[in-house]
Protein backbone atom coordinates (compact mmCIF):
# COMPACT_ATOMS: atom_id res chain seq x y z
CA UNK A 1 -5.88 -117.11 -58.64
CA UNK A 2 -6.78 -118.82 -55.38
CA UNK A 3 -5.11 -116.03 -53.42
CA UNK A 4 -7.16 -113.46 -55.23
CA UNK A 5 -10.39 -115.25 -54.41
CA UNK A 6 -9.37 -115.54 -50.77
CA UNK A 7 -8.58 -111.84 -50.55
CA UNK A 8 -11.97 -110.97 -52.01
CA UNK A 9 -13.72 -113.17 -49.54
CA UNK A 10 -11.63 -111.80 -46.65
CA UNK A 11 -12.39 -108.21 -47.63
CA UNK A 12 -16.07 -108.80 -47.69
CA UNK A 13 -15.98 -110.45 -44.28
CA UNK A 14 -14.19 -107.43 -42.70
CA UNK A 15 -16.84 -105.07 -43.99
CA UNK A 16 -19.55 -107.36 -42.69
CA UNK A 17 -17.84 -107.58 -39.32
CA UNK A 18 -17.58 -103.82 -39.10
CA UNK A 19 -21.26 -103.39 -39.80
CA UNK A 20 -22.12 -106.10 -37.28
CA UNK A 21 -20.18 -104.37 -34.51
CA UNK A 22 -21.86 -101.08 -35.26
CA UNK A 23 -25.31 -102.64 -35.10
CA UNK A 24 -24.38 -104.38 -31.87
CA UNK A 25 -23.31 -101.09 -30.23
CA UNK A 26 -26.52 -99.49 -31.39
CA UNK A 27 -28.65 -102.24 -29.81
CA UNK A 28 -26.71 -101.91 -26.55
CA UNK A 29 -27.32 -98.14 -26.49
CA UNK A 30 -31.01 -98.61 -27.13
CA UNK A 31 -31.27 -101.12 -24.32
CA UNK A 32 -29.46 -98.79 -21.90
CA UNK A 33 -31.60 -95.87 -22.96
CA UNK A 34 -34.74 -97.90 -22.30
CA UNK A 35 -33.38 -98.89 -18.89
CA UNK A 36 -32.53 -95.27 -18.13
CA UNK A 37 -35.93 -94.11 -19.22
CA UNK A 38 -37.46 -96.65 -16.97
CA UNK A 39 -35.37 -95.36 -14.08
CA UNK A 40 -36.12 -91.64 -14.88
CA UNK A 41 -39.80 -92.36 -14.94
CA UNK A 42 -39.81 -93.55 -11.35
CA UNK A 43 -41.06 -91.33 -8.44
CA UNK A 44 -37.77 -91.56 -6.58
CA UNK A 45 -35.82 -90.10 -9.49
CA UNK A 46 -38.37 -87.37 -9.98
CA UNK A 47 -38.11 -86.44 -6.28
CA UNK A 48 -34.34 -86.47 -6.47
CA UNK A 49 -34.45 -84.15 -9.45
CA UNK A 50 -36.86 -81.84 -7.70
CA UNK A 51 -34.68 -81.79 -4.60
CA UNK A 52 -31.60 -80.99 -6.68
CA UNK A 53 -33.42 -78.24 -8.54
CA UNK A 54 -34.68 -76.81 -5.24
CA UNK A 55 -31.20 -76.86 -3.75
CA UNK A 56 -29.83 -75.15 -6.84
CA UNK A 57 -32.56 -72.48 -6.64
CA UNK A 58 -31.87 -71.97 -2.96
CA UNK A 59 -28.13 -71.53 -3.60
CA UNK A 60 -28.85 -69.07 -6.42
CA UNK A 61 -31.27 -67.12 -4.22
CA UNK A 62 -28.78 -67.12 -1.38
CA UNK A 63 -26.01 -65.80 -3.64
CA UNK A 64 -28.40 -63.17 -5.01
CA UNK A 65 -29.35 -62.11 -1.48
CA UNK A 66 -25.69 -61.85 -0.51
CA UNK A 67 -24.88 -59.82 -3.61
CA UNK A 68 -27.87 -57.57 -2.96
CA UNK A 69 -26.79 -57.09 0.64
CA UNK A 70 -23.25 -56.22 -0.47
CA UNK A 71 -24.61 -53.78 -3.06
CA UNK A 72 -26.92 -52.19 -0.48
CA UNK A 73 -24.04 -51.83 1.98
CA UNK A 74 -21.78 -50.35 -0.72
CA UNK A 75 -24.58 -48.00 -1.73
CA UNK A 76 -25.01 -46.91 1.89
CA UNK A 77 -21.27 -46.25 2.19
CA UNK A 78 -21.26 -44.31 -1.07
CA UNK A 79 -24.31 -42.32 -0.01
CA UNK A 80 -22.68 -41.53 3.34
CA UNK A 81 -19.50 -40.42 1.57
CA UNK A 82 -21.55 -38.34 -0.87
CA UNK A 83 -23.44 -36.73 2.02
CA UNK A 84 -20.17 -35.99 3.81
CA UNK A 85 -18.76 -34.51 0.61
CA UNK A 86 -21.85 -32.36 0.17
CA UNK A 87 -21.64 -31.28 3.80
CA UNK A 88 -17.94 -30.45 3.36
CA UNK A 89 -18.72 -28.49 0.20
CA UNK A 90 -21.49 -26.64 2.01
CA UNK A 91 -19.19 -25.96 4.94
CA UNK A 92 -16.43 -24.67 2.64
CA UNK A 93 -18.96 -22.58 0.76
CA UNK A 94 -20.25 -21.15 4.03
CA UNK A 95 -16.69 -20.55 5.19
CA UNK A 96 -15.89 -18.74 1.92
CA UNK A 97 -19.00 -16.63 2.30
CA UNK A 98 -18.08 -15.80 5.89
CA UNK A 99 -14.51 -15.00 4.84
CA UNK A 100 -15.74 -12.80 1.99
CA UNK A 101 -18.10 -11.06 4.38
CA UNK A 102 -15.27 -10.65 6.89
CA UNK A 103 -12.93 -9.31 4.19
CA UNK A 104 -15.64 -6.97 3.00
CA UNK A 105 -16.16 -5.69 6.55
CA UNK A 106 -12.40 -5.33 7.04
CA UNK A 107 -12.08 -3.57 3.69
CA UNK A 108 -14.88 -1.20 4.64
CA UNK A 109 -13.26 -0.59 8.03
CA UNK A 110 -9.87 -0.10 6.36
CA UNK A 111 -11.44 2.23 3.81
CA UNK A 112 -13.15 4.17 6.57
CA UNK A 113 -9.94 4.23 8.60
CA UNK A 114 -8.02 5.37 5.51
CA UNK A 115 -10.55 8.11 4.88
CA UNK A 116 -10.33 9.18 8.52
CA UNK A 117 -6.51 9.10 8.30
CA UNK A 118 -6.58 11.11 5.05
CA UNK A 119 -8.91 13.61 6.65
CA UNK A 120 -6.65 13.76 9.70
CA UNK A 121 -3.54 14.22 7.54
CA UNK A 122 -5.35 16.83 5.45
CA UNK A 123 -6.49 18.62 8.60
CA UNK A 124 -2.98 18.36 10.04
CA UNK A 125 -1.51 19.72 6.81
CA UNK A 126 -4.03 22.53 6.79
CA UNK A 127 -3.30 23.25 10.43
CA UNK A 128 0.43 23.12 9.74
CA UNK A 129 -0.03 25.39 6.75
CA UNK A 130 -2.13 27.74 8.85
CA UNK A 131 0.51 27.77 11.58
CA UNK A 132 3.22 28.28 8.97
CA UNK A 133 1.27 31.18 7.47
CA UNK A 134 0.78 32.65 10.94
CA UNK A 135 4.48 32.09 11.64
CA UNK A 136 5.52 33.76 8.39
CA UNK A 137 3.07 36.62 8.98
CA UNK A 138 4.53 37.12 12.45
CA UNK A 139 7.99 37.05 10.89
CA UNK A 140 6.91 39.70 8.39
CA UNK A 141 5.42 41.83 11.18
CA UNK A 142 8.57 41.45 13.20
CA UNK A 143 10.73 42.31 10.16
CA UNK A 144 8.60 45.31 9.28
CA UNK A 145 9.64 46.92 12.55
CA UNK A 146 6.16 47.23 14.05
CA UNK A 147 7.43 45.69 17.29
CA UNK A 148 10.87 45.70 18.86
CA UNK A 149 10.31 42.44 20.67
CA UNK A 150 9.29 39.33 18.73
CA UNK A 151 5.69 38.19 19.27
CA UNK A 152 4.99 35.38 21.71
CA UNK A 153 4.10 32.99 18.86
CA UNK A 154 7.73 33.10 17.66
CA UNK A 155 9.29 32.41 21.05
CA UNK A 156 7.72 28.96 21.38
CA UNK A 157 9.95 25.91 21.89
CA UNK A 158 9.11 22.68 20.05
CA UNK A 159 10.12 19.50 21.87
CA UNK A 160 10.31 16.00 20.43
CA UNK A 161 9.97 14.14 23.78
CA UNK A 162 8.88 16.54 26.52
CA UNK A 163 8.91 13.86 29.22
CA UNK A 164 12.44 12.65 28.48
CA UNK A 165 15.82 14.07 29.46
CA UNK A 166 17.60 16.54 27.21
CA UNK A 167 19.92 15.06 24.61
CA UNK A 168 23.45 16.22 25.58
CA UNK A 169 24.80 16.24 22.02
CA UNK A 170 21.79 18.12 20.64
CA UNK A 171 21.93 20.64 23.49
CA UNK A 172 25.58 21.39 22.66
CA UNK A 173 25.77 21.02 18.87
CA UNK A 174 22.09 21.31 17.77
CA UNK A 175 22.65 18.03 15.91
CA UNK A 176 22.10 14.38 16.79
CA UNK A 177 22.98 11.30 14.79
CA UNK A 178 19.58 9.74 15.60
CA UNK A 179 17.58 12.81 14.58
CA UNK A 180 14.07 13.09 15.97
CA UNK A 181 14.07 9.32 16.62
CA UNK A 182 16.44 9.85 19.53
CA UNK A 183 15.16 8.51 22.87
CA UNK A 184 15.95 11.85 24.51
CA UNK A 185 14.39 15.26 24.14
CA UNK A 186 15.35 17.71 21.38
CA UNK A 187 14.32 21.34 21.79
CA UNK A 188 13.84 23.43 18.65
CA UNK A 189 13.46 27.20 19.15
CA UNK A 190 10.88 29.19 17.22
CA UNK A 191 13.47 31.84 16.29
CA UNK A 192 17.03 32.52 17.38
CA UNK A 193 20.16 34.34 16.33
CA UNK A 194 21.79 31.15 15.01
CA UNK A 195 20.83 29.65 11.63
CA UNK A 196 21.75 26.09 10.69
CA UNK A 197 21.98 24.95 7.07
CA UNK A 198 22.20 21.17 7.20
CA UNK A 199 24.71 19.54 4.78
CA UNK A 200 25.13 22.88 3.02
CA UNK A 201 28.80 22.54 2.04
CA UNK A 202 29.15 19.52 -0.23
CA UNK A 203 32.44 18.23 -1.60
CA UNK A 204 33.70 14.94 -2.96
CA UNK A 205 36.42 14.83 -0.32
CA UNK A 206 33.79 14.86 2.46
CA UNK A 207 31.05 12.66 1.01
CA UNK A 208 33.50 9.92 -0.06
CA UNK A 209 35.89 10.13 2.87
CA UNK A 210 34.71 6.81 4.30
CA UNK A 211 36.64 4.52 1.97
CA UNK A 212 34.61 1.76 0.36
CA UNK A 213 35.92 -1.77 0.60
CA UNK A 214 35.34 -2.19 -3.15
CA UNK A 215 37.22 0.97 -4.16
CA UNK A 216 40.08 1.53 -1.75
CA UNK A 217 41.95 3.96 -4.06
CA UNK A 218 39.08 6.41 -4.52
CA UNK A 219 40.55 9.02 -2.18
CA UNK A 220 44.10 8.86 -3.53
CA UNK A 221 43.16 11.43 -6.16
CA UNK A 222 41.77 13.96 -3.64
CA UNK A 223 43.52 15.69 -0.78
CA UNK A 224 42.42 17.94 2.05
CA UNK A 225 43.97 20.89 0.23
CA UNK A 226 41.48 20.44 -2.65
CA UNK A 227 38.58 20.40 -0.23
CA UNK A 228 39.85 23.49 1.58
CA UNK A 229 40.52 25.31 -1.69
CA UNK A 230 36.91 24.94 -2.74
CA UNK A 231 35.81 25.75 0.81
CA UNK A 232 37.44 29.19 0.54
CA UNK A 233 35.41 29.92 -2.58
CA UNK A 234 32.30 28.67 -0.80
CA UNK A 235 33.11 30.79 2.28
CA UNK A 236 33.41 34.13 0.47
CA UNK A 237 30.46 33.34 -1.79
CA UNK A 238 28.06 32.40 1.02
CA UNK A 239 29.30 34.92 3.56
CA UNK A 240 28.70 37.85 1.22
CA UNK A 241 25.11 36.70 0.68
CA UNK A 242 24.37 36.33 4.40
CA UNK A 243 26.04 39.63 5.30
CA UNK A 244 23.41 41.47 3.30
CA UNK A 245 20.99 40.94 6.19
CA UNK A 246 23.14 42.15 9.05
CA UNK A 247 26.31 41.77 11.06
CA UNK A 248 27.55 38.21 11.51
CA UNK A 249 29.32 37.16 14.71
CA UNK A 250 30.03 33.48 13.93
CA UNK A 251 30.39 31.45 10.74
CA UNK A 252 31.26 27.77 11.22
CA UNK A 253 31.28 24.97 8.64
CA UNK A 254 31.71 21.34 9.76
CA UNK A 255 34.15 19.02 8.04
CA UNK A 256 33.04 15.93 9.96
CA UNK A 257 32.54 12.68 8.09
CA UNK A 258 29.33 11.78 9.95
CA UNK A 259 26.18 12.31 7.84
CA UNK A 260 24.33 14.37 10.46
CA UNK A 261 27.27 16.82 10.71
CA UNK A 262 28.91 16.69 7.28
CA UNK A 263 28.89 20.13 5.68
CA UNK A 264 26.61 21.71 8.33
CA UNK A 265 26.91 25.51 8.24
CA UNK A 266 26.19 27.63 11.32
CA UNK A 267 25.63 31.40 10.93
CA UNK A 268 25.14 33.50 14.07
CA UNK A 269 23.93 37.09 13.67
CA UNK A 270 24.44 39.92 16.13
CA UNK A 271 20.72 40.79 16.09
CA UNK A 272 17.68 38.56 16.11
CA UNK A 273 15.94 40.57 13.39
CA UNK A 274 18.85 39.97 11.01
CA UNK A 275 18.67 36.20 11.52
CA UNK A 276 14.91 36.27 10.90
CA UNK A 277 15.38 38.32 7.73
CA UNK A 278 18.04 35.90 6.46
CA UNK A 279 15.75 32.94 7.15
CA UNK A 280 12.81 34.68 5.46
CA UNK A 281 14.83 35.42 2.33
CA UNK A 282 17.19 32.45 1.92
CA UNK A 283 15.12 29.48 3.10
CA UNK A 284 14.36 27.15 0.13
CA UNK A 285 16.72 29.16 -2.10
CA UNK A 286 18.96 27.26 -4.54
CA UNK A 287 22.72 27.20 -4.38
CA UNK A 288 24.84 25.12 -6.75
CA UNK A 289 21.86 23.06 -7.89
CA UNK A 290 20.86 22.13 -4.31
CA UNK A 291 17.99 23.60 -2.30
CA UNK A 292 18.98 25.36 0.90
CA UNK A 293 17.20 24.26 4.07
CA UNK A 294 17.57 26.64 7.01
CA UNK A 295 16.42 26.18 10.59
CA UNK A 296 16.83 28.09 13.83
CA UNK A 297 18.94 26.50 16.54
CA UNK A 298 20.49 27.31 19.90
CA UNK A 299 24.23 27.15 20.49
CA UNK A 300 24.76 28.12 24.11
CA UNK A 301 28.55 27.85 23.95
CA UNK A 302 30.69 27.46 20.85
CA UNK A 303 33.51 26.26 23.06
CA UNK A 304 31.39 23.32 24.22
CA UNK A 305 30.07 22.60 20.72
CA UNK A 306 33.44 22.53 18.93
CA UNK A 307 35.81 19.67 19.66
CA UNK A 308 38.70 21.12 21.68
CA UNK A 309 41.14 18.43 20.58
CA UNK A 310 40.59 19.22 16.92
CA UNK A 311 42.66 22.41 17.00
CA UNK A 312 45.59 20.44 18.40
CA UNK A 313 44.92 17.58 15.97
CA UNK A 314 44.69 15.12 18.84
CA UNK A 315 41.06 14.01 18.58
CA UNK A 316 41.10 10.17 18.87
CA UNK A 317 37.95 9.81 16.73
CA UNK A 318 39.17 12.04 13.95
CA UNK A 319 36.49 13.59 11.84
CA UNK A 320 34.10 10.81 12.90
CA UNK A 321 33.70 12.71 16.18
CA UNK A 322 30.17 13.75 17.20
CA UNK A 323 31.37 17.22 18.26
CA UNK A 324 31.92 19.91 15.65
CA UNK A 325 35.13 19.78 13.63
CA UNK A 326 35.13 23.06 11.71
CA UNK A 327 37.13 24.45 8.82
CA UNK A 328 39.58 27.22 9.55
CA UNK A 329 38.09 30.30 7.92
CA UNK A 330 40.23 32.35 5.51
CA UNK A 331 41.85 35.55 6.88
CA UNK A 332 41.17 34.23 10.39
CA UNK A 333 37.52 35.36 10.17
CA UNK A 334 35.11 34.13 12.85
CA UNK A 335 37.59 31.54 14.12
CA UNK A 336 37.13 32.40 17.80
CA UNK A 337 34.76 30.84 20.30
CA UNK A 338 33.27 34.03 21.67
CA UNK A 339 31.25 36.78 20.04
CA UNK A 340 33.54 39.67 20.91
CA UNK A 341 36.50 37.75 19.47
CA UNK A 342 34.67 36.83 16.30
CA UNK A 343 33.23 40.17 15.21
CA UNK A 344 35.15 41.47 12.21
CA UNK A 345 35.00 44.69 10.31
CA UNK A 346 33.38 44.52 6.92
CA UNK A 347 36.23 46.35 5.22
CA UNK A 348 38.85 43.80 6.34
CA UNK A 349 37.15 40.96 4.41
CA UNK A 350 37.76 40.74 0.66
CA UNK A 351 34.52 40.38 -1.28
CA UNK A 352 33.96 39.68 -4.93
CA UNK A 353 31.95 42.34 -6.70
CA UNK A 354 30.21 39.89 -9.01
CA UNK A 355 27.47 37.66 -7.69
CA UNK A 356 28.35 33.97 -7.83
CA UNK A 357 26.66 31.80 -10.46
CA UNK A 358 25.83 29.26 -7.75
CA UNK A 359 23.05 31.36 -6.21
CA UNK A 360 19.72 31.13 -8.01
CA UNK A 361 16.01 31.25 -7.29
CA UNK A 362 15.49 27.89 -8.95
CA UNK A 363 17.78 25.14 -10.30
CA UNK A 364 16.75 25.84 -13.89
CA UNK A 365 18.54 29.18 -14.10
CA UNK A 366 22.03 29.57 -15.47
CA UNK A 367 22.35 25.89 -16.38
CA UNK A 368 24.84 26.55 -19.15
CA UNK A 369 27.26 28.32 -16.80
CA UNK A 370 26.94 25.54 -14.31
CA UNK A 371 27.61 22.85 -16.92
CA UNK A 372 30.66 24.76 -18.18
CA UNK A 373 31.98 25.12 -14.64
CA UNK A 374 31.44 21.40 -14.12
CA UNK A 375 33.42 20.67 -17.27
CA UNK A 376 36.24 22.85 -15.92
CA UNK A 377 36.07 20.95 -12.62
CA UNK A 378 36.27 17.62 -14.45
CA UNK A 379 39.26 18.80 -16.46
CA UNK A 380 40.97 20.01 -13.27
CA UNK A 381 40.33 16.63 -11.66
CA UNK A 382 41.75 14.80 -14.67
CA UNK A 383 44.89 16.94 -14.62
CA UNK A 384 45.19 16.37 -10.87
CA UNK A 385 44.88 12.61 -11.40
CA UNK A 386 47.54 12.61 -14.08
CA UNK A 387 49.93 14.60 -11.85
CA UNK A 388 49.25 12.24 -8.98
CA UNK A 389 50.00 9.20 -11.16
CA UNK A 390 53.23 10.73 -12.41
CA UNK A 391 54.36 11.49 -8.87
CA UNK A 392 53.42 7.97 -7.82
CA UNK A 393 55.40 6.46 -10.72
CA UNK A 394 58.43 8.63 -9.87
CA UNK A 395 58.24 7.54 -6.25
CA UNK A 396 57.97 3.91 -7.34
CA UNK A 397 61.01 4.25 -9.62
CA UNK A 398 63.01 5.85 -6.82
CA UNK A 399 62.10 3.20 -4.25
CA UNK A 400 62.09 0.16 -6.55
CA UNK A 401 64.28 -2.72 -5.17
CA UNK A 402 65.55 -3.63 -8.66
CA UNK A 403 66.92 -0.13 -9.20
CA UNK A 404 68.59 -0.21 -5.77
CA UNK A 405 70.25 -3.53 -6.66
CA UNK A 406 71.48 -2.12 -9.93
CA UNK A 407 72.87 0.88 -8.09
């Protein structure tokens, strides 16, 4: 019971003590606040506060001035960059305008130059056509027999490089591997007794004689005898057509492998009028699906034009020689070098009565016959290939080392 009373009394005292401490702290705070207020109300404190506020305002103003200065400087830099960019854009724009104006001027100059060139080419073509018409009219007058001697317009000599030396190969063979691009002079006669048909005789054995590195066996199926066999047909077919215009004194066909000589056909007539008539009639004619291109040329000496070592089969360059390697004509016709040795009687040469299917005015005529003949040629080639393979297999069986060991 006593303990309970003591605890009650002790509990009440603790609460009282707590309240007393709180009131004591409150009185102390009030006293300090009064002291502080007394201090704040003094002139010194007020001055100190004003000085602090002034210093703070000065620092803020200083920072603001610095920031404004930085912003102004940055704005100046940006404005300078913007001005430079605008100047660069203006300069590029001006440059583009100048370039467009320059291109426009160049295009106009090029257009004008092109028009002048077209007019020049047109005038040159018209002049060439006019000269060709005059040339053909003179040929017709000469062929009509109005004058024994050819007119002066036909005896002109066209030169590729008048100031240069004469090309030795062209002077001898009327052919040059460089053509008109040769650094030396080529002389083309207006008319002459000799006609040249460039690359007239065409055969697989000539055009594919230079063996390709990718197809080394291409020429195993063709021999010189095949080429010569077709040449004989070509010889009698073409010779009969040219002999209609007059007596022929030379007929040479090249079997060279070089492109500027391959298949070139030379026809020399006894009379100038005959050569002119043949040119007038056969130029741009069609033979075997190919257009014939004739030109007049000068062969001063057949002996100098034809390779002398060819007849003895001792030419070191073979058929790649730049002198003429010619086929041996059938029946020994026109095989000599000189005119009096080469003239043959008409009756001694066999001629076919029927006109060959190869001659035509245009390539569209007689297509069916040509296609059938081509099919026959293909079949002949296939049979020739099969025979060649059989012979090759027989030779292999005879010379095989295994068979020799068995024997």
